[in-house]
PDB file of all heavy atoms in Angstrom:
ATOM      1  N   GLU A   1       0.801  -1.226   0.000  1.00  0.00           N
ATOM      2  CA  GLU A   1       0.000   0.000   0.000  1.00  0.00           C
ATOM      3  C   GLU A   1       0.836   1.279   0.000  1.00  0.00           C
ATOM      4  O   GLU A   1       0.350   2.318  -0.454  1.00  0.00           O
ATOM      5  CB  GLU A   1      -0.941  -0.009   1.207  1.00  0.00           C
ATOM      6  CG  GLU A   1      -1.956  -1.144   1.178  1.00  0.00           C
ATOM      7  CD  GLU A   1      -3.012  -1.023   2.257  1.00  0.00           C
ATOM      8  OE1 GLU A   1      -3.154   0.079   2.821  1.00  0.00           O
ATOM      9  OE2 GLU A   1      -3.688  -2.031   2.529  1.00  0.00           O
ATOM     10  N   CYS A   2       2.075   1.213   0.501  1.00  0.00           N
ATOM     11  CA  CYS A   2       2.883   2.440   0.636  1.00  0.00           C
ATOM     12  C   CYS A   2       4.208   2.375  -0.110  1.00  0.00           C
ATOM     13  O   CYS A   2       4.947   3.368  -0.143  1.00  0.00           O
ATOM     14  CB  CYS A   2       3.164   2.742   2.114  1.00  0.00           C
ATOM     15  SG  CYS A   2       1.695   2.939   3.121  1.00  0.00           S
ATOM     16  N   ASN A   3       4.536   1.219  -0.672  1.00  0.00           N
ATOM     17  CA  ASN A   3       5.809   1.023  -1.368  1.00  0.00           C
ATOM     18  C   ASN A   3       6.992   1.312  -0.440  1.00  0.00           C
ATOM     19  O   ASN A   3       8.006   1.861  -0.842  1.00  0.00           O
ATOM     20  CB  ASN A   3       5.890   1.910  -2.620  1.00  0.00           C
ATOM     21  CG  ASN A   3       6.998   1.467  -3.570  1.00  0.00           C
ATOM     22  OD1 ASN A   3       7.296   0.270  -3.683  1.00  0.00           O
ATOM     23  ND2 ASN A   3       7.625   2.408  -4.235  1.00  0.00           N
ATOM     24  N   VAL A   4       6.842   0.945   0.821  1.00  0.00           N
ATOM     25  CA  VAL A   4       7.887   1.128   1.829  1.00  0.00           C
ATOM     26  C   VAL A   4       8.291  -0.246   2.365  1.00  0.00           C
ATOM     27  O   VAL A   4       7.430  -1.059   2.712  1.00  0.00           O
ATOM     28  CB  VAL A   4       7.396   2.013   2.992  1.00  0.00           C
ATOM     29  CG1 VAL A   4       8.407   2.020   4.137  1.00  0.00           C
ATOM     30  CG2 VAL A   4       7.152   3.442   2.504  1.00  0.00           C
ATOM     31  N   ILE A   5       9.593  -0.489   2.420  1.00  0.00           N
ATOM     32  CA  ILE A   5      10.110  -1.768   2.911  1.00  0.00           C
ATOM     33  C   ILE A   5      10.417  -1.644   4.401  1.00  0.00           C
ATOM     34  O   ILE A   5      11.312  -0.898   4.795  1.00  0.00           O
ATOM     35  CB  ILE A   5      11.384  -2.185   2.148  1.00  0.00           C
ATOM     36  CG1 ILE A   5      11.109  -2.310   0.654  1.00  0.00           C
ATOM     37  CG2 ILE A   5      11.940  -3.494   2.704  1.00  0.00           C
ATOM     38  CD1 ILE A   5      12.361  -2.496  -0.188  1.00  0.00           C
ATOM     39  N   LEU A   6       9.662  -2.366   5.226  1.00  0.00           N
ATOM     40  CA  LEU A   6       9.964  -2.426   6.663  1.00  0.00           C
ATOM     41  C   LEU A   6      10.930  -3.585   6.883  1.00  0.00           C
ATOM     42  O   LEU A   6      10.542  -4.749   6.847  1.00  0.00           O
ATOM     43  CB  LEU A   6       8.691  -2.615   7.477  1.00  0.00           C
ATOM     44  CG  LEU A   6       7.733  -1.418   7.547  1.00  0.00           C
ATOM     45  CD1 LEU A   6       6.505  -1.773   8.375  1.00  0.00           C
ATOM     46  CD2 LEU A   6       8.427  -0.192   8.129  1.00  0.00           C
ATOM     47  N   THR A   7      12.180  -3.256   7.093  1.00  0.00           N
ATOM     48  CA  THR A   7      13.186  -4.305   7.270  1.00  0.00           C
ATOM     49  C   THR A   7      13.086  -4.950   8.650  1.00  0.00           C
ATOM     50  O   THR A   7      13.607  -6.045   8.856  1.00  0.00           O
ATOM     51  CB  THR A   7      14.603  -3.728   7.085  1.00  0.00           C
ATOM     52  OG1 THR A   7      14.785  -2.634   7.996  1.00  0.00           O
ATOM     53  CG2 THR A   7      14.783  -3.216   5.668  1.00  0.00           C
ATOM     54  N   ALA A   8      12.439  -4.257   9.584  1.00  0.00           N
ATOM     55  CA  ALA A   8      12.282  -4.815  10.927  1.00  0.00           C
ATOM     56  C   ALA A   8      10.994  -4.320  11.569  1.00  0.00           C
ATOM     57  O   ALA A   8      10.647  -3.147  11.437  1.00  0.00           O
ATOM     58  CB  ALA A   8      13.477  -4.429  11.807  1.00  0.00           C
ATOM     59  N   VAL A   9      10.289  -5.234  12.223  1.00  0.00           N
ATOM     60  CA  VAL A   9       9.127  -4.886  13.038  1.00  0.00           C
ATOM     61  C   VAL A   9       9.439  -5.390  14.443  1.00  0.00           C
ATOM     62  O   VAL A   9       9.379  -6.587  14.717  1.00  0.00           O
ATOM     63  CB  VAL A   9       7.840  -5.534  12.508  1.00  0.00           C
ATOM     64  CG1 VAL A   9       6.656  -5.150  13.398  1.00  0.00           C
ATOM     65  CG2 VAL A   9       7.575  -5.110  11.068  1.00  0.00           C
ATOM     66  N   SER A  10       9.822  -4.453  15.323  1.00  0.00           N
ATOM     67  CA  SER A  10      10.215  -4.827  16.685  1.00  0.00           C
ATOM     68  C   SER A  10       8.996  -4.872  17.603  1.00  0.00           C
ATOM     69  O   SER A  10       7.963  -4.260  17.326  1.00  0.00           O
ATOM     70  CB  SER A  10      11.249  -3.834  17.216  1.00  0.00           C
ATOM     71  OG  SER A  10      12.394  -3.805  16.378  1.00  0.00           O
ATOM     72  N   ILE A  11       9.160  -5.611  18.707  1.00  0.00           N
ATOM     73  CA  ILE A  11       8.017  -5.912  19.570  1.00  0.00           C
ATOM     74  C   ILE A  11       8.142  -5.284  20.954  1.00  0.00           C
ATOM     75  O   ILE A  11       9.188  -5.373  21.610  1.00  0.00           O
ATOM     76  CB  ILE A  11       7.862  -7.447  19.736  1.00  0.00           C
ATOM     77  CG1 ILE A  11       7.687  -8.128  18.371  1.00  0.00           C
ATOM     78  CG2 ILE A  11       6.696  -7.774  20.659  1.00  0.00           C
ATOM     79  CD1 ILE A  11       6.457  -7.709  17.604  1.00  0.00           C
ATOM     80  N   TYR A  12       7.058  -4.634  21.388  1.00  0.00           N
ATOM     81  CA  TYR A  12       6.860  -4.267  22.788  1.00  0.00           C
ATOM     82  C   TYR A  12       5.815  -5.241  23.349  1.00  0.00           C
ATOM     83  O   TYR A  12       4.758  -5.435  22.739  1.00  0.00           O
ATOM     84  CB  TYR A  12       6.311  -2.856  22.939  1.00  0.00           C
ATOM     85  CG  TYR A  12       7.284  -1.740  22.657  1.00  0.00           C
ATOM     86  CD1 TYR A  12       6.949  -0.734  21.751  1.00  0.00           C
ATOM     87  CD2 TYR A  12       8.502  -1.650  23.312  1.00  0.00           C
ATOM     88  CE1 TYR A  12       7.825   0.322  21.499  1.00  0.00           C
ATOM     89  CE2 TYR A  12       9.381  -0.604  23.065  1.00  0.00           C
ATOM     90  CZ  TYR A  12       9.036   0.381  22.153  1.00  0.00           C
ATOM     91  OH  TYR A  12       9.909   1.412  21.916  1.00  0.00           O
ATOM     92  N   SER A  13       6.108  -5.822  24.491  1.00  0.00           N
ATOM     93  CA  SER A  13       5.161  -6.734  25.113  1.00  0.00           C
ATOM     94  C   SER A  13       4.207  -5.953  26.013  1.00  0.00           C
ATOM     95  O   SER A  13       4.642  -5.131  26.815  1.00  0.00           O
ATOM     96  CB  SER A  13       5.929  -7.781  25.934  1.00  0.00           C
ATOM     97  OG  SER A  13       5.027  -8.693  26.522  1.00  0.00           O
ATOM     98  N   ARG A  14       2.908  -6.204  25.870  1.00  0.00           N
ATOM     99  CA  ARG A  14       1.907  -5.496  26.660  1.00  0.00           C
ATOM    100  C   ARG A  14       1.333  -6.419  27.744  1.00  0.00           C
ATOM    101  O   ARG A  14       0.930  -7.555  27.466  1.00  0.00           O
ATOM    102  CB  ARG A  14       0.772  -5.018  25.753  1.00  0.00           C
ATOM    103  CG  ARG A  14      -0.237  -4.118  26.460  1.00  0.00           C
ATOM    104  CD  ARG A  14      -1.306  -3.598  25.511  1.00  0.00           C
ATOM    105  NE  ARG A  14      -2.327  -4.603  25.238  1.00  0.00           N
ATOM    106  CZ  ARG A  14      -2.497  -5.213  24.083  1.00  0.00           C
ATOM    107  NH1 ARG A  14      -1.694  -4.936  23.066  1.00  0.00           N
ATOM    108  NH2 ARG A  14      -3.451  -6.101  23.917  1.00  0.00           N
ATOM    109  N   ASN A  15       1.335  -5.938  28.991  1.00  0.00           N
ATOM    110  CA  ASN A  15       0.830  -6.744  30.102  1.00  0.00           C
ATOM    111  C   ASN A  15      -0.640  -7.110  29.923  1.00  0.00           C
ATOM    112  O   ASN A  15      -1.482  -6.245  29.700  1.00  0.00           O
ATOM    113  CB  ASN A  15       0.967  -5.983  31.425  1.00  0.00           C
ATOM    114  CG  ASN A  15       2.407  -5.788  31.859  1.00  0.00           C
ATOM    115  OD1 ASN A  15       2.944  -4.689  31.809  1.00  0.00           O
ATOM    116  ND2 ASN A  15       3.048  -6.873  32.305  1.00  0.00           N
ATOM    117  N   THR A  16      -0.941  -8.410  30.019  1.00  0.00           N
ATOM    118  CA  THR A  16      -2.330  -8.870  29.996  1.00  0.00           C
ATOM    119  C   THR A  16      -2.584  -9.864  31.134  1.00  0.00           C
ATOM    120  O   THR A  16      -3.736 -10.161  31.452  1.00  0.00           O
ATOM    121  CB  THR A  16      -2.665  -9.568  28.664  1.00  0.00           C
ATOM    122  OG1 THR A  16      -1.798 -10.706  28.498  1.00  0.00           O
ATOM    123  CG2 THR A  16      -2.501  -8.617  27.485  1.00  0.00           C
ATOM    124  N   LYS A  17      -1.511 -10.366  31.763  1.00  0.00           N
ATOM    125  CA  LYS A  17      -1.639 -11.403  32.801  1.00  0.00           C
ATOM    126  C   LYS A  17      -1.463 -10.838  34.212  1.00  0.00           C
ATOM    127  O   LYS A  17      -1.469 -11.588  35.176  1.00  0.00           O
ATOM    128  CB  LYS A  17      -0.591 -12.499  32.556  1.00  0.00           C
ATOM    129  CG  LYS A  17      -0.769 -13.216  31.220  1.00  0.00           C
ATOM    130  CD  LYS A  17       0.304 -14.259  30.990  1.00  0.00           C
ATOM    131  CE  LYS A  17       1.659 -13.630  30.728  1.00  0.00           C
ATOM    132  NZ  LYS A  17       2.683 -14.653  30.371  1.00  0.00           N
ATOM    133  N   ASN A  18      -1.296  -9.515  34.303  1.00  0.00           N
ATOM    134  CA  ASN A  18      -1.016  -8.905  35.607  1.00  0.00           C
ATOM    135  C   ASN A  18      -1.930  -7.699  35.806  1.00  0.00           C
ATOM    136  O   ASN A  18      -1.778  -6.672  35.158  1.00  0.00           O
ATOM    137  CB  ASN A  18       0.454  -8.475  35.667  1.00  0.00           C
ATOM    138  CG  ASN A  18       0.865  -7.978  37.031  1.00  0.00           C
ATOM    139  OD1 ASN A  18       0.028  -7.632  37.863  1.00  0.00           O
ATOM    140  ND2 ASN A  18       2.163  -7.944  37.290  1.00  0.00           N
ATOM    141  N   ASP A  19      -2.896  -7.835  36.722  1.00  0.00           N
ATOM    142  CA  ASP A  19      -3.854  -6.752  36.968  1.00  0.00           C
ATOM    143  C   ASP A  19      -3.177  -5.524  37.571  1.00  0.00           C
ATOM    144  O   ASP A  19      -3.602  -4.385  37.334  1.00  0.00           O
ATOM    145  CB  ASP A  19      -4.966  -7.239  37.915  1.00  0.00           C
ATOM    146  CG  ASP A  19      -5.830  -8.313  37.277  1.00  0.00           C
ATOM    147  OD1 ASP A  19      -5.877  -8.341  36.022  1.00  0.00           O
ATOM    148  OD2 ASP A  19      -6.420  -9.118  38.011  1.00  0.00           O
ATOM    149  N   GLN A  20      -2.115  -5.736  38.358  1.00  0.00           N
ATOM    150  CA  GLN A  20      -1.421  -4.628  39.000  1.00  0.00           C
ATOM    151  C   GLN A  20      -0.749  -3.725  37.955  1.00  0.00           C
ATOM    152  O   GLN A  20      -0.628  -2.517  38.156  1.00  0.00           O
ATOM    153  CB  GLN A  20      -0.357  -5.166  39.970  1.00  0.00           C
ATOM    154  CG  GLN A  20       0.323  -4.081  40.796  1.00  0.00           C
ATOM    155  CD  GLN A  20       1.430  -4.642  41.687  1.00  0.00           C
ATOM    156  OE1 GLN A  20       1.769  -5.835  41.620  1.00  0.00           O
ATOM    157  NE2 GLN A  20       1.986  -3.794  42.538  1.00  0.00           N
ATOM    158  N   ALA A  21      -0.359  -4.305  36.832  1.00  0.00           N
ATOM    159  CA  ALA A  21       0.344  -3.563  35.796  1.00  0.00           C
ATOM    160  C   ALA A  21      -0.504  -2.435  35.232  1.00  0.00           C
ATOM    161  O   ALA A  21       0.003  -1.344  34.924  1.00  0.00           O
ATOM    162  CB  ALA A  21       0.767  -4.503  34.670  1.00  0.00           C
ATOM    163  N   SER A  22      -1.804  -2.668  35.104  1.00  0.00           N
ATOM    164  CA  SER A  22      -2.703  -1.652  34.546  1.00  0.00           C
ATOM    165  C   SER A  22      -2.748  -0.415  35.440  1.00  0.00           C
ATOM    166  O   SER A  22      -2.706   0.721  34.949  1.00  0.00           O
ATOM    167  CB  SER A  22      -4.104  -2.238  34.379  1.00  0.00           C
ATOM    168  OG  SER A  22      -4.992  -1.260  33.887  1.00  0.00           O
ATOM    169  N   GLU A  23      -2.796  -0.636  36.741  1.00  0.00           N
ATOM    170  CA  GLU A  23      -2.829   0.490  37.686  1.00  0.00           C
ATOM    171  C   GLU A  23      -1.508   1.261  37.666  1.00  0.00           C
ATOM    172  O   GLU A  23      -1.492   2.497  37.662  1.00  0.00           O
ATOM    173  CB  GLU A  23      -3.111  -0.025  39.102  1.00  0.00           C
ATOM    174  CG  GLU A  23      -3.161   1.091  40.146  1.00  0.00           C
ATOM    175  CD  GLU A  23      -3.330   0.548  41.557  1.00  0.00           C
ATOM    176  OE1 GLU A  23      -3.590  -0.663  41.704  1.00  0.00           O
ATOM    177  OE2 GLU A  23      -3.187   1.342  42.508  1.00  0.00           O
ATOM    178  N   ILE A  24      -0.398   0.522  37.646  1.00  0.00           N
ATOM    179  CA  ILE A  24       0.925   1.153  37.618  1.00  0.00           C
ATOM    180  C   ILE A  24       1.084   1.969  36.339  1.00  0.00           C
ATOM    181  O   ILE A  24       1.582   3.105  36.365  1.00  0.00           O
ATOM    182  CB  ILE A  24       2.037   0.087  37.719  1.00  0.00           C
ATOM    183  CG1 ILE A  24       1.989  -0.602  39.078  1.00  0.00           C
ATOM    184  CG2 ILE A  24       3.414   0.717  37.484  1.00  0.00           C
ATOM    185  CD1 ILE A  24       2.952  -1.778  39.210  1.00  0.00           C
ATOM    186  N   ARG A  25       0.657   1.388  35.259  1.00  0.00           N
ATOM    187  CA  ARG A  25       0.768   2.095  33.959  1.00  0.00           C
ATOM    188  C   ARG A  25      -0.021   3.394  33.986  1.00  0.00           C
ATOM    189  O   ARG A  25       0.464   4.439  33.531  1.00  0.00           O
ATOM    190  CB  ARG A  25       0.271   1.202  32.818  1.00  0.00           C
ATOM    191  CG  ARG A  25       0.304   1.879  31.457  1.00  0.00           C
ATOM    192  CD  ARG A  25      -0.025   0.915  30.351  1.00  0.00           C
ATOM    193  NE  ARG A  25       0.155   1.545  29.047  1.00  0.00           N
ATOM    194  CZ  ARG A  25       0.382   0.878  27.933  1.00  0.00           C
ATOM    195  NH1 ARG A  25       0.468  -0.447  27.946  1.00  0.00           N
ATOM    196  NH2 ARG A  25       0.530   1.514  26.799  1.00  0.00           N
ATOM    197  N   SER A  26      -1.228   3.355  34.522  1.00  0.00           N
ATOM    198  CA  SER A  26      -2.085   4.544  34.575  1.00  0.00           C
ATOM    199  C   SER A  26      -1.448   5.631  35.440  1.00  0.00           C
ATOM    200  O   SER A  26      -1.416   6.806  35.049  1.00  0.00           O
ATOM    201  CB  SER A  26      -3.462   4.168  35.126  1.00  0.00           C
ATOM    202  OG  SER A  26      -4.275   5.304  35.230  1.00  0.00           O
ATOM    203  N   ASN A  27      -0.916   5.242  36.587  1.00  0.00           N
ATOM    204  CA  ASN A  27      -0.292   6.214  37.493  1.00  0.00           C
ATOM    205  C   ASN A  27       0.935   6.862  36.859  1.00  0.00           C
ATOM    206  O   ASN A  27       1.129   8.085  36.945  1.00  0.00           O
ATOM    207  CB  ASN A  27       0.098   5.535  38.811  1.00  0.00           C
ATOM    208  CG  ASN A  27      -1.100   5.098  39.624  1.00  0.00           C
ATOM    209  OD1 ASN A  27      -2.197   5.626  39.454  1.00  0.00           O
ATOM    210  ND2 ASN A  27      -0.903   4.119  40.506  1.00  0.00           N
ATOM    211  N   ILE A  28       1.767   6.035  36.242  1.00  0.00           N
ATOM    212  CA  ILE A  28       2.990   6.559  35.627  1.00  0.00           C
ATOM    213  C   ILE A  28       2.663   7.431  34.422  1.00  0.00           C
ATOM    214  O   ILE A  28       3.282   8.490  34.213  1.00  0.00           O
ATOM    215  CB  ILE A  28       3.932   5.402  35.228  1.00  0.00           C
ATOM    216  CG1 ILE A  28       4.491   4.736  36.480  1.00  0.00           C
ATOM    217  CG2 ILE A  28       5.078   5.910  34.340  1.00  0.00           C
ATOM    218  CD1 ILE A  28       5.403   3.550  36.209  1.00  0.00           C
ATOM    219  N   THR A  29       1.670   7.022  33.632  1.00  0.00           N
ATOM    220  CA  THR A  29       1.280   7.806  32.449  1.00  0.00           C
ATOM    221  C   THR A  29       0.833   9.203  32.861  1.00  0.00           C
ATOM    222  O   THR A  29       1.218  10.204  32.248  1.00  0.00           O
ATOM    223  CB  THR A  29       0.151   7.100  31.671  1.00  0.00           C
ATOM    224  OG1 THR A  29       0.606   5.826  31.218  1.00  0.00           O
ATOM    225  CG2 THR A  29      -0.266   7.932  30.464  1.00  0.00           C
ATOM    226  N   ASN A  30       0.008   9.290  33.898  1.00  0.00           N
ATOM    227  CA  ASN A  30      -0.456  10.595  34.376  1.00  0.00           C
ATOM    228  C   ASN A  30       0.709  11.469  34.831  1.00  0.00           C
ATOM    229  O   ASN A  30       0.743  12.677  34.569  1.00  0.00           O
ATOM    230  CB  ASN A  30      -1.440  10.412  35.532  1.00  0.00           C
ATOM    231  CG  ASN A  30      -2.759   9.812  35.085  1.00  0.00           C
ATOM    232  OD1 ASN A  30      -3.139   9.964  33.925  1.00  0.00           O
ATOM    233  ND2 ASN A  30      -3.444   9.130  35.994  1.00  0.00           N
ATOM    234  N   LYS A  31       1.668  10.858  35.510  1.00  0.00           N
ATOM    235  CA  LYS A  31       2.827  11.596  36.010  1.00  0.00           C
ATOM    236  C   LYS A  31       3.716  12.070  34.854  1.00  0.00           C
ATOM    237  O   LYS A  31       4.123  13.234  34.792  1.00  0.00           O
ATOM    238  CB  LYS A  31       3.633  10.718  36.971  1.00  0.00           C
ATOM    239  CG  LYS A  31       4.897  11.369  37.530  1.00  0.00           C
ATOM    240  CD  LYS A  31       4.572  12.545  38.436  1.00  0.00           C
ATOM    241  CE  LYS A  31       3.914  12.084  39.726  1.00  0.00           C
ATOM    242  NZ  LYS A  31       3.707  13.214  40.684  1.00  0.00           N
ATOM    243  N   VAL A  32       4.000  11.164  33.936  1.00  0.00           N
ATOM    244  CA  VAL A  32       4.910  11.471  32.812  1.00  0.00           C
ATOM    245  C   VAL A  32       4.306  12.510  31.876  1.00  0.00           C
ATOM    246  O   VAL A  32       4.967  13.481  31.481  1.00  0.00           O
ATOM    247  CB  VAL A  32       5.264  10.190  32.025  1.00  0.00           C
ATOM    248  CG1 VAL A  32       6.010  10.535  30.732  1.00  0.00           C
ATOM    249  CG2 VAL A  32       6.098   9.249  32.877  1.00  0.00           C
ATOM    250  N   MET A  33       3.031  12.323  31.523  1.00  0.00           N
ATOM    251  CA  MET A  33       2.401  13.205  30.543  1.00  0.00           C
ATOM    252  C   MET A  33       2.014  14.559  31.136  1.00  0.00           C
ATOM    253  O   MET A  33       1.506  15.422  30.411  1.00  0.00           O
ATOM    254  CB  MET A  33       1.174  12.529  29.935  1.00  0.00           C
ATOM    255  CG  MET A  33       1.494  11.256  29.150  1.00  0.00           C
ATOM    256  SD  MET A  33       2.823  11.457  27.916  1.00  0.00           S
ATOM    257  CE  MET A  33       2.064  12.611  26.781  1.00  0.00           C
ATOM    258  N   SER A  34       2.259  14.762  32.422  1.00  0.00           N
ATOM    259  CA  SER A  34       2.045  16.085  33.012  1.00  0.00           C
ATOM    260  C   SER A  34       3.139  17.054  32.574  1.00  0.00           C
ATOM    261  O   SER A  34       3.002  18.263  32.740  1.00  0.00           O
ATOM    262  CB  SER A  34       2.016  15.996  34.539  1.00  0.00           C
ATOM    263  OG  SER A  34       3.293  15.624  35.059  1.00  0.00           O
ATOM    264  N   HIS A  35       4.214  16.513  32.007  1.00  0.00           N
ATOM    265  CA  HIS A  35       5.280  17.345  31.454  1.00  0.00           C
ATOM    266  C   HIS A  35       4.913  17.713  30.015  1.00  0.00           C
ATOM    267  O   HIS A  35       4.819  16.823  29.156  1.00  0.00           O
ATOM    268  CB  HIS A  35       6.617  16.593  31.455  1.00  0.00           C
ATOM    269  CG  HIS A  35       7.158  16.331  32.827  1.00  0.00           C
ATOM    270  ND1 HIS A  35       8.081  17.157  33.433  1.00  0.00           N
ATOM    271  CD2 HIS A  35       6.892  15.332  33.726  1.00  0.00           C
ATOM    272  CE1 HIS A  35       8.372  16.679  34.630  1.00  0.00           C
ATOM    273  NE2 HIS A  35       7.667  15.578  34.830  1.00  0.00           N
ATOM    274  N   PRO A  36       4.706  18.991  29.708  1.00  0.00           N
ATOM    275  CA  PRO A  36       4.301  19.372  28.343  1.00  0.00           C
ATOM    276  C   PRO A  36       5.365  19.037  27.288  1.00  0.00           C
ATOM    277  O   PRO A  36       5.043  18.915  26.102  1.00  0.00           O
ATOM    278  CB  PRO A  36       4.089  20.887  28.446  1.00  0.00           C
ATOM    279  CG  PRO A  36       4.843  21.311  29.669  1.00  0.00           C
ATOM    280  CD  PRO A  36       4.798  20.145  30.618  1.00  0.00           C
ATOM    281  N   GLU A  37       6.624  18.886  27.718  1.00  0.00           N
ATOM    282  CA  GLU A  37       7.697  18.574  26.759  1.00  0.00           C
ATOM    283  C   GLU A  37       7.649  17.115  26.308  1.00  0.00           C
ATOM    284  O   GLU A  37       8.231  16.760  25.285  1.00  0.00           O
ATOM    285  CB  GLU A  37       9.071  18.853  27.388  1.00  0.00           C
ATOM    286  CG  GLU A  37       9.275  20.266  27.903  1.00  0.00           C
ATOM    287  CD  GLU A  37       8.854  20.420  29.350  1.00  0.00           C
ATOM    288  OE1 GLU A  37       8.228  19.470  29.901  1.00  0.00           O
ATOM    289  OE2 GLU A  37       9.147  21.470  29.943  1.00  0.00           O
ATOM    290  N   VAL A  38       6.956  16.267  27.072  1.00  0.00           N
ATOM    291  CA  VAL A  38       6.841  14.852  26.714  1.00  0.00           C
ATOM    292  C   VAL A  38       5.686  14.690  25.735  1.00  0.00           C
ATOM    293  O   VAL A  38       4.523  14.944  26.075  1.00  0.00           O
ATOM    294  CB  VAL A  38       6.622  13.971  27.965  1.00  0.00           C
ATOM    295  CG1 VAL A  38       6.463  12.517  27.543  1.00  0.00           C
ATOM    296  CG2 VAL A  38       7.782  14.124  28.937  1.00  0.00           C
ATOM    297  N   LEU A  39       6.010  14.284  24.533  1.00  0.00           N
ATOM    298  CA  LEU A  39       4.997  14.183  23.477  1.00  0.00           C
ATOM    299  C   LEU A  39       4.276  12.842  23.499  1.00  0.00           C
ATOM    300  O   LEU A  39       3.131  12.737  23.057  1.00  0.00           O
ATOM    301  CB  LEU A  39       5.665  14.370  22.109  1.00  0.00           C
ATOM    302  CG  LEU A  39       6.443  15.675  21.918  1.00  0.00           C
ATOM    303  CD1 LEU A  39       7.097  15.701  20.538  1.00  0.00           C
ATOM    304  CD2 LEU A  39       5.524  16.877  22.084  1.00  0.00           C
TER     305      LEU A  39
END
């Protein structure tokens, strides 16, 4: 569709087996994104 060669597709693993991870992620996201310089 784009005539672009992706030589690599790297993986981030997303927590699905740990309920605590969702809460930690939410707390950290709120803290990190409070910085306007963080896009």
